[in-house]
Amino acid sequence: IIKKVSSAGKPPELALTFSLVNAPRLGRGKKMDDTPYAWEAREFLRQGCIGKNIRFTVEFKDPNSGKCYGFVYLGKETVRLAVRVIQAGLAKVRAPKDGMKPRNKEHG
């Protein structure tokens, strides 16, 4: 995710993982194969986002890994991008870990 428009060089980016979503993973390097539908899920997101304005919120940052989790919206839409991926059958909803309560109303 590009965080802001920059007139000088490459703008800063943020890697954001969808909160409470299990999605297929692309293989990294020669030792790991893609999980089924990983490429289709990637292309679904890429085609839906390239050249479009997005909004995002970081809901949680893992203090150990530094990984950010949150929500992404296309433009002024109110439906999360993760919901669109789930509706397309390319990802699944993941329940919060045992004992964890939703951190905000969007997890309701």
PDB file of N, CA and C in Angstrom:
ATOM      1  N   ILE A   1       0.859  -1.163   0.000  1.00  0.00           N
ATOM      2  CA  ILE A   1       0.000   0.000   0.000  1.00  0.00           C
ATOM      3  C   ILE A   1       0.902   1.223   0.000  1.00  0.00           C
ATOM      4  N   ILE A   2       0.673   2.128  -0.906  1.00  0.00           N
ATOM      5  CA  ILE A   2       1.424   3.372  -0.936  1.00  0.00           C
ATOM      6  C   ILE A   2       0.756   4.317   0.049  1.00  0.00           C
ATOM      7  N   LYS A   3       1.522   4.838   0.991  1.00  0.00           N
ATOM      8  CA  LYS A   3       0.961   5.607   2.082  1.00  0.00           C
ATOM      9  C   LYS A   3       0.608   7.042   1.713  1.00  0.00           C
ATOM     10  N   LYS A   4       1.344   7.655   0.806  1.00  0.00           N
ATOM     11  CA  LYS A   4       1.026   9.017   0.399  1.00  0.00           C
ATOM     12  C   LYS A   4       1.665   9.296  -0.947  1.00  0.00           C
ATOM     13  N   VAL A   5       1.162  10.298  -1.630  1.00  0.00           N
ATOM     14  CA  VAL A   5       1.694  10.674  -2.930  1.00  0.00           C
ATOM     15  C   VAL A   5       3.001  11.426  -2.717  1.00  0.00           C
ATOM     16  N   SER A   6       3.991  11.104  -3.518  1.00  0.00           N
ATOM     17  CA  SER A   6       5.294  11.746  -3.397  1.00  0.00           C
ATOM     18  C   SER A   6       5.703  12.303  -4.744  1.00  0.00           C
ATOM     19  N   SER A   7       6.212  13.535  -4.733  1.00  0.00           N
ATOM     20  CA  SER A   7       6.669  14.129  -5.991  1.00  0.00           C
ATOM     21  C   SER A   7       8.139  13.807  -6.251  1.00  0.00           C
ATOM     22  N   ALA A   8       8.830  13.305  -5.238  1.00  0.00           N
ATOM     23  CA  ALA A   8      10.254  13.003  -5.382  1.00  0.00           C
ATOM     24  C   ALA A   8      10.512  11.523  -5.139  1.00  0.00           C
ATOM     25  N   GLY A   9      10.620  10.758  -6.221  1.00  0.00           N
ATOM     26  CA  GLY A   9      10.959   9.352  -6.091  1.00  0.00           C
ATOM     27  C   GLY A   9       9.796   8.475  -5.676  1.00  0.00           C
ATOM     28  N   LYS A  10      10.169   7.300  -5.199  1.00  0.00           N
ATOM     29  CA  LYS A  10       9.184   6.284  -4.824  1.00  0.00           C
ATOM     30  C   LYS A  10       8.513   6.654  -3.496  1.00  0.00           C
ATOM     31  N   PRO A  11       7.181   6.601  -3.448  1.00  0.00           N
ATOM     32  CA  PRO A  11       6.493   6.928  -2.191  1.00  0.00           C
ATOM     33  C   PRO A  11       6.669   5.820  -1.156  1.00  0.00           C
ATOM     34  N   PRO A  12       6.519   6.153   0.131  1.00  0.00           N
ATOM     35  CA  PRO A  12       6.629   5.115   1.163  1.00  0.00           C
ATOM     36  C   PRO A  12       5.516   4.086   1.023  1.00  0.00           C
ATOM     37  N   GLU A  13       5.808   2.850   1.389  1.00  0.00           N
ATOM     38  CA  GLU A  13       4.828   1.766   1.282  1.00  0.00           C
ATOM     39  C   GLU A  13       4.611   1.115   2.633  1.00  0.00           C
ATOM     40  N   LEU A  14       3.498   0.398   2.750  1.00  0.00           N
ATOM     41  CA  LEU A  14       3.171  -0.337   3.960  1.00  0.00           C
ATOM     42  C   LEU A  14       2.636  -1.701   3.556  1.00  0.00           C
ATOM     43  N   ALA A  15       3.187  -2.761   4.123  1.00  0.00           N
ATOM     44  CA  ALA A  15       2.661  -4.103   3.906  1.00  0.00           C
ATOM     45  C   ALA A  15       1.587  -4.328   4.965  1.00  0.00           C
ATOM     46  N   LEU A  16       0.371  -4.587   4.520  1.00  0.00           N
ATOM     47  CA  LEU A  16      -0.763  -4.738   5.430  1.00  0.00           C
ATOM     48  C   LEU A  16      -1.436  -6.070   5.174  1.00  0.00           C
ATOM     49  N   THR A  17      -1.609  -6.867   6.218  1.00  0.00           N
ATOM     50  CA  THR A  17      -2.284  -8.154   6.134  1.00  0.00           C
ATOM     51  C   THR A  17      -3.731  -7.955   6.548  1.00  0.00           C
ATOM     52  N   PHE A  18      -4.661  -8.531   5.778  1.00  0.00           N
ATOM     53  CA  PHE A  18      -6.075  -8.423   6.138  1.00  0.00           C
ATOM     54  C   PHE A  18      -6.320  -9.054   7.504  1.00  0.00           C
ATOM     55  N   SER A  19      -7.028  -8.346   8.369  1.00  0.00           N
ATOM     56  CA  SER A  19      -7.384  -8.887   9.684  1.00  0.00           C
ATOM     57  C   SER A  19      -8.413  -9.991   9.546  1.00  0.00           C
ATOM     58  N   LEU A  20      -8.210 -11.056  10.282  1.00  0.00           N
ATOM     59  CA  LEU A  20      -9.151 -12.179  10.398  1.00  0.00           C
ATOM     60  C   LEU A  20      -9.511 -12.826   9.065  1.00  0.00           C
ATOM     61  N   VAL A  21      -8.525 -12.962   8.187  1.00  0.00           N
ATOM     62  CA  VAL A  21      -8.733 -13.588   6.883  1.00  0.00           C
ATOM     63  C   VAL A  21      -7.613 -14.595   6.645  1.00  0.00           C
ATOM     64  N   ASN A  22      -7.981 -15.791   6.214  1.00  0.00           N
ATOM     65  CA  ASN A  22      -7.011 -16.787   5.752  1.00  0.00           C
ATOM     66  C   ASN A  22      -7.071 -16.815   4.240  1.00  0.00           C
ATOM     67  N   ALA A  23      -5.967 -16.490   3.618  1.00  0.00           N
ATOM     68  CA  ALA A  23      -5.897 -16.464   2.158  1.00  0.00           C
ATOM     69  C   ALA A  23      -4.796 -17.408   1.694  1.00  0.00           C
ATOM     70  N   PRO A  24      -4.903 -17.928   0.469  1.00  0.00           N
ATOM     71  CA  PRO A  24      -3.845 -18.787  -0.052  1.00  0.00           C
ATOM     72  C   PRO A  24      -2.544 -18.001  -0.179  1.00  0.00           C
ATOM     73  N   ARG A  25      -1.432 -18.698  -0.034  1.00  0.00           N
ATOM     74  CA  ARG A  25      -0.126 -18.041  -0.036  1.00  0.00           C
ATOM     75  C   ARG A  25       0.659 -18.381  -1.298  1.00  0.00           C
ATOM     76  N   LEU A  26       1.312 -17.358  -1.831  1.00  0.00           N
ATOM     77  CA  LEU A  26       2.224 -17.562  -2.943  1.00  0.00           C
ATOM     78  C   LEU A  26       3.518 -18.154  -2.407  1.00  0.00           C
ATOM     79  N   GLY A  27       4.096 -19.092  -3.141  1.00  0.00           N
ATOM     80  CA  GLY A  27       5.369 -19.680  -2.741  1.00  0.00           C
ATOM     81  C   GLY A  27       6.475 -18.647  -2.815  1.00  0.00           C
ATOM     82  N   ARG A  28       7.434 -18.782  -1.950  1.00  0.00           N
ATOM     83  CA  ARG A  28       8.586 -17.873  -1.938  1.00  0.00           C
ATOM     84  C   ARG A  28       9.825 -18.690  -2.297  1.00  0.00           C
ATOM     85  N   GLY A  29      10.421 -18.368  -3.417  1.00  0.00           N
ATOM     86  CA  GLY A  29      11.625 -19.073  -3.836  1.00  0.00           C
ATOM     87  C   GLY A  29      11.310 -20.429  -4.460  1.00  0.00           C
ATOM     88  N   LYS A  30      12.341 -21.214  -4.669  1.00  0.00           N
ATOM     89  CA  LYS A  30      12.195 -22.503  -5.346  1.00  0.00           C
ATOM     90  C   LYS A  30      11.724 -23.608  -4.422  1.00  0.00           C
ATOM     91  N   LYS A  31      11.846 -23.418  -3.112  1.00  0.00           N
ATOM     92  CA  LYS A  31      11.520 -24.481  -2.163  1.00  0.00           C
ATOM     93  C   LYS A  31      10.044 -24.525  -1.772  1.00  0.00           C
ATOM     94  N   MET A  32       9.299 -23.477  -2.050  1.00  0.00           N
ATOM     95  CA  MET A  32       7.886 -23.440  -1.646  1.00  0.00           C
ATOM     96  C   MET A  32       6.989 -23.304  -2.866  1.00  0.00           C
ATOM     97  N   ASP A  33       5.974 -24.142  -2.933  1.00  0.00           N
ATOM     98  CA  ASP A  33       4.983 -24.041  -3.998  1.00  0.00           C
ATOM     99  C   ASP A  33       3.853 -23.126  -3.552  1.00  0.00           C
ATOM    100  N   ASP A  34       3.147 -22.545  -4.527  1.00  0.00           N
ATOM    101  CA  ASP A  34       1.952 -21.771  -4.223  1.00  0.00           C
ATOM    102  C   ASP A  34       0.891 -22.699  -3.652  1.00  0.00           C
ATOM    103  N   THR A  35       0.107 -22.213  -2.698  1.00  0.00           N
ATOM    104  CA  THR A  35      -1.047 -22.981  -2.264  1.00  0.00           C
ATOM    105  C   THR A  35      -2.130 -22.803  -3.330  1.00  0.00           C
ATOM    106  N   PRO A  36      -3.081 -23.747  -3.425  1.00  0.00           N
ATOM    107  CA  PRO A  36      -4.118 -23.621  -4.457  1.00  0.00           C
ATOM    108  C   PRO A  36      -4.826 -22.266  -4.403  1.00  0.00           C
ATOM    109  N   TYR A  37      -5.034 -21.685  -5.561  1.00  0.00           N
ATOM    110  CA  TYR A  37      -5.740 -20.423  -5.779  1.00  0.00           C
ATOM    111  C   TYR A  37      -4.971 -19.188  -5.313  1.00  0.00           C
ATOM    112  N   ALA A  38      -3.718 -19.334  -4.941  1.00  0.00           N
ATOM    113  CA  ALA A  38      -2.931 -18.180  -4.498  1.00  0.00           C
ATOM    114  C   ALA A  38      -2.766 -17.167  -5.630  1.00  0.00           C
ATOM    115  N   TRP A  39      -2.451 -17.654  -6.820  1.00  0.00           N
ATOM    116  CA  TRP A  39      -2.259 -16.742  -7.951  1.00  0.00           C
ATOM    117  C   TRP A  39      -3.571 -16.051  -8.312  1.00  0.00           C
ATOM    118  N   GLU A  40      -4.663 -16.779  -8.293  1.00  0.00           N
ATOM    119  CA  GLU A  40      -5.972 -16.191  -8.619  1.00  0.00           C
ATOM    120  C   GLU A  40      -6.352 -15.113  -7.598  1.00  0.00           C
ATOM    121  N   ALA A  41      -6.076 -15.373  -6.320  1.00  0.00           N
ATOM    122  CA  ALA A  41      -6.384 -14.387  -5.276  1.00  0.00           C
ATOM    123  C   ALA A  41      -5.537 -13.129  -5.466  1.00  0.00           C
ATOM    124  N   ARG A  42      -4.268 -13.327  -5.774  1.00  0.00           N
ATOM    125  CA  ARG A  42      -3.377 -12.184  -6.002  1.00  0.00           C
ATOM    126  C   ARG A  42      -3.866 -11.350  -7.175  1.00  0.00           C
ATOM    127  N   GLU A  43      -4.195 -12.011  -8.272  1.00  0.00           N
ATOM    128  CA  GLU A  43      -4.659 -11.295  -9.461  1.00  0.00           C
ATOM    129  C   GLU A  43      -5.993 -10.594  -9.214  1.00  0.00           C
ATOM    130  N   PHE A  44      -6.872 -11.210  -8.460  1.00  0.00           N
ATOM    131  CA  PHE A  44      -8.153 -10.588  -8.102  1.00  0.00           C
ATOM    132  C   PHE A  44      -7.892  -9.263  -7.381  1.00  0.00           C
ATOM    133  N   LEU A  45      -6.995  -9.285  -6.424  1.00  0.00           N
ATOM    134  CA  LEU A  45      -6.663  -8.064  -5.684  1.00  0.00           C
ATOM    135  C   LEU A  45      -5.944  -7.056  -6.574  1.00  0.00           C
ATOM    136  N   ARG A  46      -4.982  -7.521  -7.316  1.00  0.00           N
ATOM    137  CA  ARG A  46      -4.204  -6.621  -8.172  1.00  0.00           C
ATOM    138  C   ARG A  46      -5.090  -5.906  -9.177  1.00  0.00           C
ATOM    139  N   GLN A  47      -5.933  -6.677  -9.872  1.00  0.00           N
ATOM    140  CA  GLN A  47      -6.809  -6.080 -10.887  1.00  0.00           C
ATOM    141  C   GLN A  47      -7.834  -5.132 -10.281  1.00  0.00           C
ATOM    142  N   GLY A  48      -8.243  -5.409  -9.050  1.00  0.00           N
ATOM    143  CA  GLY A  48      -9.215  -4.548  -8.397  1.00  0.00           C
ATOM    144  C   GLY A  48      -8.636  -3.284  -7.806  1.00  0.00           C
ATOM    145  N   CYS A  49      -7.315  -3.247  -7.610  1.00  0.00           N
ATOM    146  CA  CYS A  49      -6.692  -2.126  -6.906  1.00  0.00           C
ATOM    147  C   CYS A  49      -5.780  -1.248  -7.749  1.00  0.00           C
ATOM    148  N   ILE A  50      -5.160  -1.817  -8.768  1.00  0.00           N
ATOM    149  CA  ILE A  50      -4.172  -1.064  -9.541  1.00  0.00           C
ATOM    150  C   ILE A  50      -4.786   0.229 -10.073  1.00  0.00           C
ATOM    151  N   GLY A  51      -4.104   1.334  -9.808  1.00  0.00           N
ATOM    152  CA  GLY A  51      -4.532   2.632 -10.312  1.00  0.00           C
ATOM    153  C   GLY A  51      -5.702   3.245  -9.576  1.00  0.00           C
ATOM    154  N   LYS A  52      -6.155   2.630  -8.484  1.00  0.00           N
ATOM    155  CA  LYS A  52      -7.302   3.156  -7.741  1.00  0.00           C
ATOM    156  C   LYS A  52      -6.855   3.692  -6.388  1.00  0.00           C
ATOM    157  N   ASN A  53      -7.577   4.657  -5.907  1.00  0.00           N
ATOM    158  CA  ASN A  53      -7.331   5.157  -4.563  1.00  0.00           C
ATOM    159  C   ASN A  53      -7.907   4.169  -3.567  1.00  0.00           C
ATOM    160  N   ILE A  54      -7.196   3.985  -2.487  1.00  0.00           N
ATOM    161  CA  ILE A  54      -7.680   3.115  -1.428  1.00  0.00           C
ATOM    162  C   ILE A  54      -7.609   3.856  -0.102  1.00  0.00           C
ATOM    163  N   ARG A  55      -8.353   3.339   0.856  1.00  0.00           N
ATOM    164  CA  ARG A  55      -8.253   3.806   2.243  1.00  0.00           C
ATOM    165  C   ARG A  55      -7.892   2.581   3.068  1.00  0.00           C
ATOM    166  N   PHE A  56      -7.173   2.785   4.148  1.00  0.00           N
ATOM    167  CA  PHE A  56      -6.841   1.650   5.007  1.00  0.00           C
ATOM    168  C   PHE A  56      -6.738   2.108   6.450  1.00  0.00           C
ATOM    169  N   THR A  57      -6.941   1.164   7.342  1.00  0.00           N
ATOM    170  CA  THR A  57      -6.709   1.408   8.756  1.00  0.00           C
ATOM    171  C   THR A  57      -5.849   0.270   9.281  1.00  0.00           C
ATOM    172  N   VAL A  58      -4.859   0.619  10.064  1.00  0.00           N
ATOM    173  CA  VAL A  58      -4.051  -0.391  10.731  1.00  0.00           C
ATOM    174  C   VAL A  58      -4.734  -0.655  12.060  1.00  0.00           C
ATOM    175  N   GLU A  59      -5.182  -1.881  12.230  1.00  0.00           N
ATOM    176  CA  GLU A  59      -5.902  -2.241  13.440  1.00  0.00           C
ATOM    177  C   GLU A  59      -4.951  -2.726  14.528  1.00  0.00           C
ATOM    178  N   PHE A  60      -3.888  -3.397  14.109  1.00  0.00           N
ATOM    179  CA  PHE A  60      -2.992  -4.014  15.077  1.00  0.00           C
ATOM    180  C   PHE A  60      -1.617  -4.166  14.455  1.00  0.00           C
ATOM    181  N   LYS A  61      -0.581  -3.913  15.238  1.00  0.00           N
ATOM    182  CA  LYS A  61       0.786  -4.161  14.790  1.00  0.00           C
ATOM    183  C   LYS A  61       1.419  -5.135  15.776  1.00  0.00           C
ATOM    184  N   ASP A  62       1.853  -6.278  15.261  1.00  0.00           N
ATOM    185  CA  ASP A  62       2.471  -7.298  16.094  1.00  0.00           C
ATOM    186  C   ASP A  62       3.794  -6.766  16.620  1.00  0.00           C
ATOM    187  N   PRO A  63       3.937  -6.676  17.951  1.00  0.00           N
ATOM    188  CA  PRO A  63       5.170  -6.115  18.495  1.00  0.00           C
ATOM    189  C   PRO A  63       6.402  -6.988  18.241  1.00  0.00           C
ATOM    190  N   ASN A  64       6.200  -8.281  18.032  1.00  0.00           N
ATOM    191  CA  ASN A  64       7.333  -9.187  17.797  1.00  0.00           C
ATOM    192  C   ASN A  64       7.813  -9.152  16.359  1.00  0.00           C
ATOM    193  N   SER A  65       6.870  -9.237  15.419  1.00  0.00           N
ATOM    194  CA  SER A  65       7.255  -9.313  14.007  1.00  0.00           C
ATOM    195  C   SER A  65       7.206  -7.961  13.299  1.00  0.00           C
ATOM    196  N   GLY A  66       6.465  -7.001  13.863  1.00  0.00           N
ATOM    197  CA  GLY A  66       6.289  -5.712  13.205  1.00  0.00           C
ATOM    198  C   GLY A  66       5.235  -5.750  12.105  1.00  0.00           C
ATOM    199  N   LYS A  67       4.613  -6.914  11.905  1.00  0.00           N
ATOM    200  CA  LYS A  67       3.599  -7.087  10.861  1.00  0.00           C
ATOM    201  C   LYS A  67       2.340  -6.301  11.215  1.00  0.00           C
ATOM    202  N   CYS A  68       1.784  -5.609  10.225  1.00  0.00           N
ATOM    203  CA  CYS A  68       0.576  -4.803  10.426  1.00  0.00           C
ATOM    204  C   CYS A  68      -0.653  -5.535   9.904  1.00  0.00           C
ATOM    205  N   TYR A  69      -1.739  -5.460  10.656  1.00  0.00           N
ATOM    206  CA  TYR A  69      -3.009  -6.064  10.278  1.00  0.00           C
ATOM    207  C   TYR A  69      -4.054  -4.955  10.240  1.00  0.00           C
ATOM    208  N   GLY A  70      -4.974  -5.051   9.278  1.00  0.00           N
ATOM    209  CA  GLY A  70      -5.989  -4.018   9.216  1.00  0.00           C
ATOM    210  C   GLY A  70      -6.996  -4.232   8.116  1.00  0.00           C
ATOM    211  N   PHE A  71      -7.645  -3.135   7.751  1.00  0.00           N
ATOM    212  CA  PHE A  71      -8.730  -3.133   6.774  1.00  0.00           C
ATOM    213  C   PHE A  71      -8.361  -2.247   5.591  1.00  0.00           C
ATOM    214  N   VAL A  72      -8.800  -2.652   4.394  1.00  0.00           N
ATOM    215  CA  VAL A  72      -8.555  -1.888   3.176  1.00  0.00           C
ATOM    216  C   VAL A  72      -9.884  -1.685   2.477  1.00  0.00           C
ATOM    217  N   TYR A  73     -10.100  -0.474   1.989  1.00  0.00           N
ATOM    218  CA  TYR A  73     -11.321  -0.117   1.261  1.00  0.00           C
ATOM    219  C   TYR A  73     -10.925   0.518  -0.063  1.00  0.00           C
ATOM    220  N   LEU A  74     -11.688   0.257  -1.107  1.00  0.00           N
ATOM    221  CA  LEU A  74     -11.463   0.915  -2.390  1.00  0.00           C
ATOM    222  C   LEU A  74     -12.208   2.244  -2.388  1.00  0.00           C
ATOM    223  N   GLY A  75     -11.490   3.324  -2.630  1.00  0.00           N
ATOM    224  CA  GLY A  75     -12.099   4.647  -2.717  1.00  0.00           C
ATOM    225  C   GLY A  75     -13.016   4.963  -1.552  1.00  0.00           C
ATOM    226  N   LYS A  76     -14.248   5.334  -1.873  1.00  0.00           N
ATOM    227  CA  LYS A  76     -15.221   5.704  -0.848  1.00  0.00           C
ATOM    228  C   LYS A  76     -16.144   4.554  -0.467  1.00  0.00           C
ATOM    229  N   GLU A  77     -15.845   3.347  -0.963  1.00  0.00           N
ATOM    230  CA  GLU A  77     -16.688   2.190  -0.645  1.00  0.00           C
ATOM    231  C   GLU A  77     -16.641   1.900   0.846  1.00  0.00           C
ATOM    232  N   THR A  78     -17.712   1.298   1.347  1.00  0.00           N
ATOM    233  CA  THR A  78     -17.775   0.940   2.760  1.00  0.00           C
ATOM    234  C   THR A  78     -17.551  -0.551   2.988  1.00  0.00           C
ATOM    235  N   VAL A  79     -17.475  -1.324   1.907  1.00  0.00           N
ATOM    236  CA  VAL A  79     -17.232  -2.768   2.022  1.00  0.00           C
ATOM    237  C   VAL A  79     -15.728  -3.001   1.974  1.00  0.00           C
ATOM    238  N   ARG A  80     -15.218  -3.730   2.952  1.00  0.00           N
ATOM    239  CA  ARG A  80     -13.786  -4.032   2.999  1.00  0.00           C
ATOM    240  C   ARG A  80     -13.371  -4.871   1.798  1.00  0.00           C
ATOM    241  N   LEU A  81     -12.173  -4.636   1.322  1.00  0.00           N
ATOM    242  CA  LEU A  81     -11.642  -5.393   0.197  1.00  0.00           C
ATOM    243  C   LEU A  81     -11.548  -6.879   0.546  1.00  0.00           C
ATOM    244  N   ALA A  82     -11.238  -7.201   1.780  1.00  0.00           N
ATOM    245  CA  ALA A  82     -11.156  -8.598   2.214  1.00  0.00           C
ATOM    246  C   ALA A  82     -12.498  -9.307   2.040  1.00  0.00           C
ATOM    247  N   VAL A  83     -13.586  -8.603   2.291  1.00  0.00           N
ATOM    248  CA  VAL A  83     -14.919  -9.195   2.120  1.00  0.00           C
ATOM    249  C   VAL A  83     -15.144  -9.560   0.658  1.00  0.00           C
ATOM    250  N   ARG A  84     -14.696  -8.723  -0.244  1.00  0.00           N
ATOM    251  CA  ARG A  84     -14.840  -9.007  -1.682  1.00  0.00           C
ATOM    252  C   ARG A  84     -14.046 -10.270  -2.073  1.00  0.00           C
ATOM    253  N   VAL A  85     -12.862 -10.429  -1.501  1.00  0.00           N
ATOM    254  CA  VAL A  85     -12.049 -11.610  -1.788  1.00  0.00           C
ATOM    255  C   VAL A  85     -12.736 -12.865  -1.241  1.00  0.00           C
ATOM    256  N   ILE A  86     -13.307 -12.760  -0.054  1.00  0.00           N
ATOM    257  CA  ILE A  86     -14.023 -13.883   0.554  1.00  0.00           C
ATOM    258  C   ILE A  86     -15.260 -14.223  -0.278  1.00  0.00           C
ATOM    259  N   GLN A  87     -16.011 -13.208  -0.702  1.00  0.00           N
ATOM    260  CA  GLN A  87     -17.200 -13.432  -1.524  1.00  0.00           C
ATOM    261  C   GLN A  87     -16.852 -14.092  -2.850  1.00  0.00           C
ATOM    262  N   ALA A  88     -15.652 -13.821  -3.364  1.00  0.00           N
ATOM    263  CA  ALA A  88     -15.209 -14.436  -4.622  1.00  0.00           C
ATOM    264  C   ALA A  88     -14.724 -15.873  -4.398  1.00  0.00           C
ATOM    265  N   GLY A  89     -14.706 -16.321  -3.147  1.00  0.00           N
ATOM    266  CA  GLY A  89     -14.288 -17.685  -2.844  1.00  0.00           C
ATOM    267  C   GLY A  89     -12.782 -17.877  -2.830  1.00  0.00           C
ATOM    268  N   LEU A  90     -12.028 -16.780  -2.717  1.00  0.00           N
ATOM    269  CA  LEU A  90     -10.572 -16.854  -2.787  1.00  0.00           C
ATOM    270  C   LEU A  90      -9.891 -16.711  -1.431  1.00  0.00           C
ATOM    271  N   ALA A  91     -10.672 -16.619  -0.369  1.00  0.00           N
ATOM    272  CA  ALA A  91     -10.141 -16.551   0.996  1.00  0.00           C
ATOM    273  C   ALA A  91     -11.249 -16.970   1.947  1.00  0.00           C
ATOM    274  N   LYS A  92     -10.873 -17.185   3.213  1.00  0.00           N
ATOM    275  CA  LYS A  92     -11.846 -17.602   4.226  1.00  0.00           C
ATOM    276  C   LYS A  92     -11.740 -16.713   5.452  1.00  0.00           C
ATOM    277  N   VAL A  93     -12.853 -16.588   6.155  1.00  0.00           N
ATOM    278  CA  VAL A  93     -12.873 -15.840   7.410  1.00  0.00           C
ATOM    279  C   VAL A  93     -12.153 -16.657   8.466  1.00  0.00           C
ATOM    280  N   ARG A  94     -11.336 -15.990   9.262  1.00  0.00           N
ATOM    281  CA  ARG A  94     -10.639 -16.643  10.363  1.00  0.00           C
ATOM    282  C   ARG A  94     -11.189 -16.071  11.662  1.00  0.00           C
ATOM    283  N   ALA A  95     -11.607 -16.942  12.552  1.00  0.00           N
ATOM    284  CA  ALA A  95     -12.130 -16.504  13.845  1.00  0.00           C
ATOM    285  C   ALA A  95     -10.978 -15.969  14.698  1.00  0.00           C
ATOM    286  N   PRO A  96     -11.275 -15.020  15.602  1.00  0.00           N
ATOM    287  CA  PRO A  96     -10.223 -14.543  16.503  1.00  0.00           C
ATOM    288  C   PRO A  96      -9.684 -15.698  17.343  1.00  0.00           C
ATOM    289  N   LYS A  97      -8.442 -15.574  17.782  1.00  0.00           N
ATOM    290  CA  LYS A  97      -7.850 -16.596  18.637  1.00  0.00           C
ATOM    291  C   LYS A  97      -8.665 -16.733  19.911  1.00  0.00           C
ATOM    292  N   ASP A  98      -8.615 -17.914  20.518  1.00  0.00           N
ATOM    293  CA  ASP A  98      -9.360 -18.167  21.744  1.00  0.00           C
ATOM    294  C   ASP A  98      -9.117 -17.074  22.772  1.00  0.00           C
ATOM    295  N   GLY A  99     -10.212 -16.599  23.328  1.00  0.00           N
ATOM    296  CA  GLY A  99     -10.127 -15.605  24.380  1.00  0.00           C
ATOM    297  C   GLY A  99      -9.981 -14.176  23.898  1.00  0.00           C
ATOM    298  N   MET A 100      -9.742 -13.987  22.603  1.00  0.00           N
ATOM    299  CA  MET A 100      -9.614 -12.623  22.096  1.00  0.00           C
ATOM    300  C   MET A 100     -10.973 -12.055  21.756  1.00  0.00           C
ATOM    301  N   LYS A 101     -11.193 -10.842  22.133  1.00  0.00           N
ATOM    302  CA  LYS A 101     -12.424 -10.144  21.811  1.00  0.00           C
ATOM    303  C   LYS A 101     -12.152  -9.251  20.597  1.00  0.00           C
ATOM    304  N   PRO A 102     -13.185  -8.967  19.811  1.00  0.00           N
ATOM    305  CA  PRO A 102     -12.973  -8.049  18.689  1.00  0.00           C
ATOM    306  C   PRO A 102     -12.426  -6.714  19.195  1.00  0.00           C
ATOM    307  N   ARG A 103     -11.468  -6.160  18.448  1.00  0.00           N
ATOM    308  CA  ARG A 103     -10.848  -4.909  18.854  1.00  0.00           C
ATOM    309  C   ARG A 103     -11.668  -3.691  18.455  1.00  0.00           C
ATOM    310  N   ASN A 104     -12.605  -3.886  17.524  1.00  0.00           N
ATOM    311  CA  ASN A 104     -13.444  -2.760  17.134  1.00  0.00           C
ATOM    312  C   ASN A 104     -14.747  -3.261  16.545  1.00  0.00           C
ATOM    313  N   LYS A 105     -15.629  -2.335  16.247  1.00  0.00           N
ATOM    314  CA  LYS A 105     -16.973  -2.694  15.774  1.00  0.00           C
ATOM    315  C   LYS A 105     -16.969  -3.423  14.428  1.00  0.00           C
ATOM    316  N   GLU A 106     -15.923  -3.266  13.625  1.00  0.00           N
ATOM    317  CA  GLU A 106     -15.895  -3.910  12.311  1.00  0.00           C
ATOM    318  C   GLU A 106     -15.751  -5.417  12.412  1.00  0.00           C
ATOM    319  N   HIS A 107     -15.242  -5.910  13.534  1.00  0.00           N
ATOM    320  CA  HIS A 107     -15.147  -7.355  13.726  1.00  0.00           C
ATOM    321  C   HIS A 107     -16.432  -7.940  14.262  1.00  0.00           C
ATOM    322  N   GLY A 108     -17.298  -7.070  14.809  1.00  0.00           N
ATOM    323  CA  GLY A 108     -18.585  -7.416  15.381  1.00  0.00           C
ATOM    324  C   GLY A 108     -18.907  -8.797  15.347  1.00  0.00           C
TER     325      GLY A 108
END
